[in-house]
Amino acid sequence: MTSQLLDTVILQTDFPELELYASGKVRDVYRVDNERLLFVATDRISAFDYVLVTGIPHKGRVLTQLSLFWFDFLKDIVPNHLITADVNRYPGSLSKYADQLRGRSLLVMRADMFAIECVVRGYISGSAWKEYKSNGSVCGIALPKGLRESDALPEPIFTPAIKATSGHDENISFEEMCKRAGPELSRELRDISLNLYKTAADYARQRGIIIADTKFEFGRTPLGVTLGDEVLTPDSSRFWPADKYEPGKAQDSFDKQYVRDYLEQIRWNKQPPAPALPQEVARRTSEKYLAAYRQLTGRELEV
């Protein structure tokens, strides 16, 4: 990989022909027409709920192309919102942006999204570990006593979440999900989510990666319940290298670990403005994302 490619990042997108439908910490979503949206993954990275001014080379391409891999791998379980990722099949008005869009964008069906984040956990870590230490359960699910941080759970568990007013994810019980989304839909989303996770986790383990937990988002399209957003990426999941797995502590991971470690090291107060990252930290983080893609798909990222 050339240093020129490694130094190339896209932090902002601008397609004047299209209406900006939504802009998140990483993705910009544009309205193409009443039925289609354009998802564009930038190289932005967030930490401690703030978007940093430094981008991570190729991060948006990794998120997009890994999602494409999983959409294809899991298509027999549930339909997904993908129409095409081939820029040559995009609306003609976008042809002049083909180089900018190639590899980091998706043309998708517009879906009526459910306001529930469908989280599946196969290992106890993160907020689940904090909750377990406090009361021995996660999202109302009682767990065995004596679990250590990062231990595998007896069976994967479904722990839904919602976006709180602060923007943080807030874990809720399945009973609360049923009140919000209805019992029939809640059971359907739970069963699909568990099936997706188990299928992907079994595959990933064969490739030397543990998927500790992940988040799915669903909506309704003419195809019925439809898998949307990104799928099983280092941003929506905890990926751990299986050969370094050691329960009883936090694990190495294929994500923004170097970024978090650096920000803790410089004692950032986690208030704006967020600091810039040294080139070495951005480079090593990029290598983690690229390694996850390579290990899971068995191929190099198309750049």
Protein backbone atom coordinates (compact mmCIF):
# COMPACT_ATOMS: atom_id res chain seq x y z
CA MET A 1 0.00 0.00 0.00
CA THR A 2 1.47 3.35 -0.98
CA SER A 3 1.95 6.17 1.47
CA GLN A 4 -0.14 8.36 -0.83
CA LEU A 5 -3.13 6.04 -0.46
CA LEU A 6 -2.56 5.77 3.27
CA ASP A 7 -2.65 9.56 3.62
CA THR A 8 -5.96 9.92 1.72
CA VAL A 9 -9.02 10.47 3.91
CA ILE A 10 -12.53 11.73 3.27
CA LEU A 11 -14.08 13.58 6.19
CA GLN A 12 -16.88 15.46 4.45
CA THR A 13 -19.10 14.70 1.47
CA ASP A 14 -20.93 17.10 -0.80
CA PHE A 15 -23.31 16.09 -3.58
CA PRO A 16 -25.27 19.24 -4.50
CA GLU A 17 -27.73 17.31 -6.68
CA LEU A 18 -28.99 15.38 -3.66
CA GLU A 19 -30.75 16.30 -0.44
CA LEU A 20 -28.79 15.44 2.72
CA TYR A 21 -31.17 13.08 4.48
CA ALA A 22 -29.12 12.40 7.62
CA SER A 23 -25.57 12.84 8.85
CA GLY A 24 -24.08 10.69 11.59
CA LYS A 25 -20.71 10.35 13.23
CA VAL A 26 -19.39 8.35 10.28
CA ARG A 27 -22.05 8.20 7.54
CA ASP A 28 -23.77 10.80 5.39
CA VAL A 29 -27.09 9.67 3.91
CA TYR A 30 -28.58 11.35 0.85
CA ARG A 31 -32.09 11.14 -0.56
CA VAL A 32 -31.99 9.99 -4.18
CA ASP A 33 -35.77 9.78 -4.59
CA ASN A 34 -38.78 8.56 -2.61
CA GLU A 35 -37.63 4.94 -2.73
CA ARG A 36 -33.82 5.15 -2.63
CA LEU A 37 -31.09 6.53 -0.39
CA LEU A 38 -27.34 6.88 -0.92
CA PHE A 39 -25.20 5.82 2.05
CA VAL A 40 -21.67 7.25 2.05
CA ALA A 41 -19.19 6.13 4.71
CA THR A 42 -16.55 8.75 5.46
CA ASP A 43 -13.25 8.20 7.25
CA ARG A 44 -14.45 10.07 10.33
CA ILE A 45 -13.88 8.43 13.68
CA SER A 46 -15.50 9.16 17.02
CA ALA A 47 -14.32 8.46 20.52
CA PHE A 48 -16.09 9.12 23.80
CA ASP A 49 -19.04 10.48 21.78
CA TYR A 50 -17.04 13.12 19.91
CA VAL A 51 -15.99 13.11 16.25
CA LEU A 52 -12.26 13.72 15.99
CA VAL A 53 -10.69 16.14 13.52
CA THR A 54 -8.33 13.43 12.27
CA GLY A 55 -9.66 10.79 9.87
CA ILE A 56 -8.62 7.14 9.63
CA PRO A 57 -7.40 6.17 6.14
CA HIS A 58 -9.70 3.65 4.39
CA LYS A 59 -12.06 3.34 7.37
CA GLY A 60 -15.14 4.18 5.31
CA ARG A 61 -14.16 1.67 2.64
CA VAL A 62 -13.69 -1.04 5.24
CA LEU A 63 -17.10 -0.38 6.79
CA THR A 64 -18.80 -0.39 3.39
CA GLN A 65 -17.09 -3.40 1.85
CA LEU A 66 -17.32 -5.48 5.01
CA SER A 67 -21.04 -4.73 5.16
CA LEU A 68 -21.30 -5.84 1.52
CA PHE A 69 -19.59 -9.10 2.41
CA TRP A 70 -22.00 -9.78 5.28
CA PHE A 71 -25.10 -8.72 3.32
CA ASP A 72 -24.25 -11.41 0.78
CA PHE A 73 -23.22 -13.99 3.39
CA LEU A 74 -26.43 -13.57 5.43
CA LYS A 75 -28.95 -12.93 2.64
CA ASP A 76 -30.69 -16.27 3.10
CA ILE A 77 -31.62 -15.37 6.70
CA VAL A 78 -33.22 -11.97 6.12
CA PRO A 79 -33.54 -9.52 3.20
CA ASN A 80 -31.30 -6.44 3.32
CA HIS A 81 -31.69 -2.92 1.98
CA LEU A 82 -28.88 -3.06 -0.60
CA ILE A 83 -29.75 -2.22 -4.21
CA THR A 84 -26.23 -1.92 -5.58
CA ALA A 85 -22.73 -0.74 -4.67
CA ASP A 86 -21.71 -0.49 -8.34
CA VAL A 87 -21.23 3.21 -9.03
CA ASN A 88 -21.80 2.56 -12.74
CA ARG A 89 -25.43 1.74 -11.87
CA TYR A 90 -25.99 4.90 -9.80
CA PRO A 91 -28.14 7.75 -11.13
CA GLY A 92 -26.42 9.62 -13.95
CA SER A 93 -26.21 12.82 -11.93
CA LEU A 94 -23.68 11.10 -9.66
CA SER A 95 -21.36 9.86 -12.40
CA LYS A 96 -18.95 12.77 -11.92
CA TYR A 97 -18.50 11.70 -8.29
CA ALA A 98 -17.76 8.07 -9.16
CA ASP A 99 -14.19 8.15 -7.88
CA GLN A 100 -15.27 9.64 -4.57
CA LEU A 101 -18.14 7.16 -4.15
CA ARG A 102 -16.47 3.99 -5.37
CA GLY A 103 -15.90 1.50 -2.57
CA ARG A 104 -17.43 3.60 0.19
CA SER A 105 -21.07 4.01 -0.83
CA LEU A 106 -24.27 1.99 -1.13
CA LEU A 107 -27.47 2.66 -3.04
CA VAL A 108 -30.19 1.26 -0.77
CA MET A 109 -33.93 0.94 -0.42
CA ARG A 110 -35.50 3.52 1.81
CA ALA A 111 -36.90 1.73 4.84
CA ASP A 112 -39.24 2.62 7.67
CA MET A 113 -36.65 1.95 10.39
CA PHE A 114 -37.58 0.49 13.77
CA ALA A 115 -36.46 2.64 16.71
CA ILE A 116 -34.80 -0.31 18.43
CA GLU A 117 -31.17 -1.35 18.22
CA CYS A 118 -30.97 -5.14 18.19
CA VAL A 119 -27.88 -6.06 20.19
CA VAL A 120 -26.67 -9.64 20.53
CA ARG A 121 -23.95 -10.58 23.01
CA GLY A 122 -21.99 -13.81 23.01
CA TYR A 123 -19.44 -12.58 25.55
CA ILE A 124 -19.74 -10.25 28.52
CA SER A 125 -18.02 -6.95 27.95
CA GLY A 126 -18.61 -3.21 27.85
CA SER A 127 -21.89 -1.96 29.33
CA ALA A 128 -23.07 -5.55 29.85
CA TRP A 129 -20.07 -6.24 32.10
CA LYS A 130 -20.77 -3.11 34.14
CA GLU A 131 -24.42 -4.06 34.54
CA TYR A 132 -23.57 -7.64 35.46
CA LYS A 133 -21.13 -6.53 38.15
CA SER A 134 -23.83 -4.33 39.61
CA ASN A 135 -26.78 -6.73 39.71
CA GLY A 136 -25.85 -10.08 38.13
CA SER A 137 -28.03 -9.58 35.06
CA VAL A 138 -28.06 -7.81 31.69
CA CYS A 139 -31.22 -6.19 30.35
CA GLY A 140 -33.27 -8.20 32.80
CA ILE A 141 -31.62 -11.51 31.84
CA ALA A 142 -30.17 -13.29 34.87
CA LEU A 143 -26.70 -14.68 34.18
CA PRO A 144 -24.65 -17.31 36.01
CA LYS A 145 -22.66 -16.18 39.02
CA GLY A 146 -18.91 -15.89 38.86
CA LEU A 147 -18.50 -14.68 35.28
CA ARG A 148 -15.29 -12.82 34.51
CA GLU A 149 -14.91 -9.88 32.17
CA SER A 150 -14.87 -11.12 28.54
CA ASP A 151 -16.13 -14.60 29.47
CA ALA A 152 -18.23 -16.43 26.89
CA LEU A 153 -21.89 -16.61 27.83
CA PRO A 154 -23.59 -20.02 28.01
CA GLU A 155 -25.70 -18.92 25.02
CA PRO A 156 -25.82 -15.64 23.10
CA ILE A 157 -28.35 -13.22 24.57
CA PHE A 158 -30.52 -10.57 22.93
CA THR A 159 -30.21 -7.20 24.68
CA PRO A 160 -32.10 -4.45 22.86
CA ALA A 161 -31.24 -0.79 23.19
CA ILE A 162 -32.65 2.61 22.33
CA LYS A 163 -31.11 6.00 21.73
CA ALA A 164 -31.53 8.09 24.87
CA THR A 165 -31.99 11.85 24.69
CA SER A 166 -28.27 12.29 25.36
CA GLY A 167 -27.43 10.30 22.24
CA HIS A 168 -26.05 7.35 24.17
CA ASP A 169 -27.41 3.85 23.69
CA GLU A 170 -29.60 2.83 26.61
CA ASN A 171 -30.14 -0.88 27.29
CA ILE A 172 -33.74 -1.94 27.78
CA SER A 173 -35.39 -5.23 28.67
CA PHE A 174 -37.13 -7.41 26.11
CA GLU A 175 -40.38 -6.69 27.93
CA GLU A 176 -39.84 -2.97 27.40
CA MET A 177 -39.10 -3.62 23.73
CA CYS A 178 -42.40 -5.47 23.44
CA LYS A 179 -44.22 -2.45 24.86
CA ARG A 180 -42.53 -0.15 22.35
CA ALA A 181 -42.53 -2.32 19.21
CA GLY A 182 -45.21 -4.90 19.94
CA PRO A 183 -44.64 -8.51 21.04
CA GLU A 184 -44.89 -10.14 17.60
CA LEU A 185 -42.37 -7.84 15.90
CA SER A 186 -40.11 -7.97 18.96
CA ARG A 187 -39.97 -11.76 18.87
CA GLU A 188 -39.29 -11.70 15.13
CA LEU A 189 -36.42 -9.21 15.46
CA ARG A 190 -34.96 -11.13 18.40
CA ASP A 191 -35.00 -14.44 16.55
CA ILE A 192 -33.52 -12.95 13.36
CA SER A 193 -30.81 -11.15 15.32
CA LEU A 194 -29.77 -14.28 17.21
CA ASN A 195 -29.69 -16.28 13.97
CA LEU A 196 -27.58 -13.63 12.23
CA TYR A 197 -25.15 -13.42 15.13
CA LYS A 198 -24.69 -17.16 15.54
CA THR A 199 -24.17 -17.67 11.80
CA ALA A 200 -21.64 -14.84 11.56
CA ALA A 201 -19.85 -15.69 14.82
CA ASP A 202 -19.36 -19.32 13.80
CA TYR A 203 -17.87 -18.22 10.49
CA ALA A 204 -15.66 -15.53 12.06
CA ARG A 205 -14.28 -17.94 14.65
CA GLN A 206 -13.08 -20.16 11.80
CA ARG A 207 -11.25 -17.07 10.49
CA GLY A 208 -9.61 -16.39 13.85
CA ILE A 209 -11.92 -13.60 15.02
CA ILE A 210 -14.28 -13.64 17.98
CA ILE A 211 -17.38 -11.50 17.54
CA ALA A 212 -18.04 -10.65 21.16
CA ASP A 213 -21.19 -8.66 20.45
CA THR A 214 -22.82 -6.74 17.65
CA LYS A 215 -25.68 -4.42 16.81
CA PHE A 216 -28.23 -4.84 14.03
CA GLU A 217 -30.76 -2.32 12.76
CA PHE A 218 -33.91 -3.26 10.89
CA GLY A 219 -36.71 -1.53 9.05
CA ARG A 220 -39.69 -2.35 6.91
CA THR A 221 -39.55 -2.30 3.10
CA PRO A 222 -41.67 -3.97 0.40
CA LEU A 223 -39.58 -7.07 1.21
CA GLY A 224 -40.89 -7.11 4.79
CA VAL A 225 -38.55 -6.90 7.77
CA THR A 226 -35.25 -5.79 6.24
CA LEU A 227 -31.69 -5.59 7.56
CA GLY A 228 -30.30 -2.08 7.16
CA ASP A 229 -27.48 0.29 8.07
CA GLU A 230 -24.03 -1.33 8.41
CA VAL A 231 -23.55 -4.95 9.39
CA LEU A 232 -20.91 -6.65 11.55
CA THR A 233 -18.18 -4.06 11.19
CA PRO A 234 -15.58 -2.98 13.75
CA ASP A 235 -17.77 0.07 14.42
CA SER A 236 -20.93 -1.91 15.21
CA SER A 237 -19.28 -4.94 16.82
CA ARG A 238 -16.50 -6.03 19.14
CA PHE A 239 -14.00 -8.09 17.13
CA TRP A 240 -11.34 -9.85 19.20
CA PRO A 241 -8.35 -11.79 17.80
CA ALA A 242 -9.01 -15.39 18.84
CA ASP A 243 -5.33 -16.20 19.29
CA LYS A 244 -4.99 -13.46 21.94
CA TYR A 245 -8.24 -14.14 23.77
CA GLU A 246 -7.76 -14.28 27.53
CA PRO A 247 -10.88 -13.91 29.69
CA GLY A 248 -10.70 -12.02 32.96
CA LYS A 249 -9.76 -8.67 31.43
CA ALA A 250 -10.50 -6.34 28.54
CA GLN A 251 -9.40 -7.74 25.18
CA ASP A 252 -7.38 -6.47 22.25
CA SER A 253 -9.75 -5.52 19.46
CA PHE A 254 -9.95 -4.66 15.77
CA ASP A 255 -11.31 -1.17 16.20
CA LYS A 256 -10.48 2.23 17.69
CA GLN A 257 -8.43 0.86 20.57
CA TYR A 258 -5.32 2.88 19.64
CA VAL A 259 -7.43 6.03 19.48
CA ARG A 260 -8.99 5.49 22.90
CA ASP A 261 -5.63 4.55 24.41
CA TYR A 262 -3.99 7.69 23.01
CA LEU A 263 -6.77 9.98 24.26
CA GLU A 264 -6.55 8.42 27.72
CA GLN A 265 -2.76 8.75 27.66
CA ILE A 266 -2.88 12.50 26.95
CA ARG A 267 -5.55 12.88 29.65
CA TRP A 268 -8.08 14.54 27.36
CA ASN A 269 -10.99 15.76 29.49
CA LYS A 270 -13.50 14.39 26.95
CA GLN A 271 -14.89 17.83 26.29
CA PRO A 272 -14.84 19.73 22.98
CA PRO A 273 -12.80 20.47 21.05
CA ALA A 274 -11.55 16.95 20.44
CA PRO A 275 -7.79 16.78 19.89
CA ALA A 276 -6.09 15.78 16.64
CA LEU A 277 -4.43 12.38 16.39
CA PRO A 278 -0.75 11.82 15.61
CA GLN A 279 -0.18 10.22 12.21
CA GLU A 280 1.13 7.04 13.84
CA VAL A 281 -2.07 6.54 15.85
CA ALA A 282 -4.21 7.07 12.73
CA ARG A 283 -2.01 4.68 10.74
CA ARG A 284 -2.11 1.90 13.33
CA THR A 285 -5.87 2.27 13.69
CA SER A 286 -6.24 2.03 9.92
CA GLU A 287 -4.17 -1.15 9.94
CA LYS A 288 -6.54 -2.68 12.52
CA TYR A 289 -9.58 -2.01 10.35
CA LEU A 290 -7.82 -3.35 7.25
CA ALA A 291 -6.69 -6.46 9.13
CA ALA A 292 -10.26 -7.22 10.22
CA TYR A 293 -11.46 -6.96 6.63
CA ARG A 294 -8.63 -9.11 5.31
CA GLN A 295 -9.04 -11.79 7.95
CA LEU A 296 -12.81 -12.07 7.61
CA THR A 297 -13.09 -11.93 3.83
CA GLY A 298 -9.81 -13.54 2.82
CA ARG A 299 -9.05 -10.75 0.38
CA GLU A 300 -7.37 -7.37 0.26
CA LEU A 301 -9.45 -4.22 0.39
CA GLU A 302 -10.12 -2.70 -3.01
CA VAL A 303 -8.65 0.79 -2.96
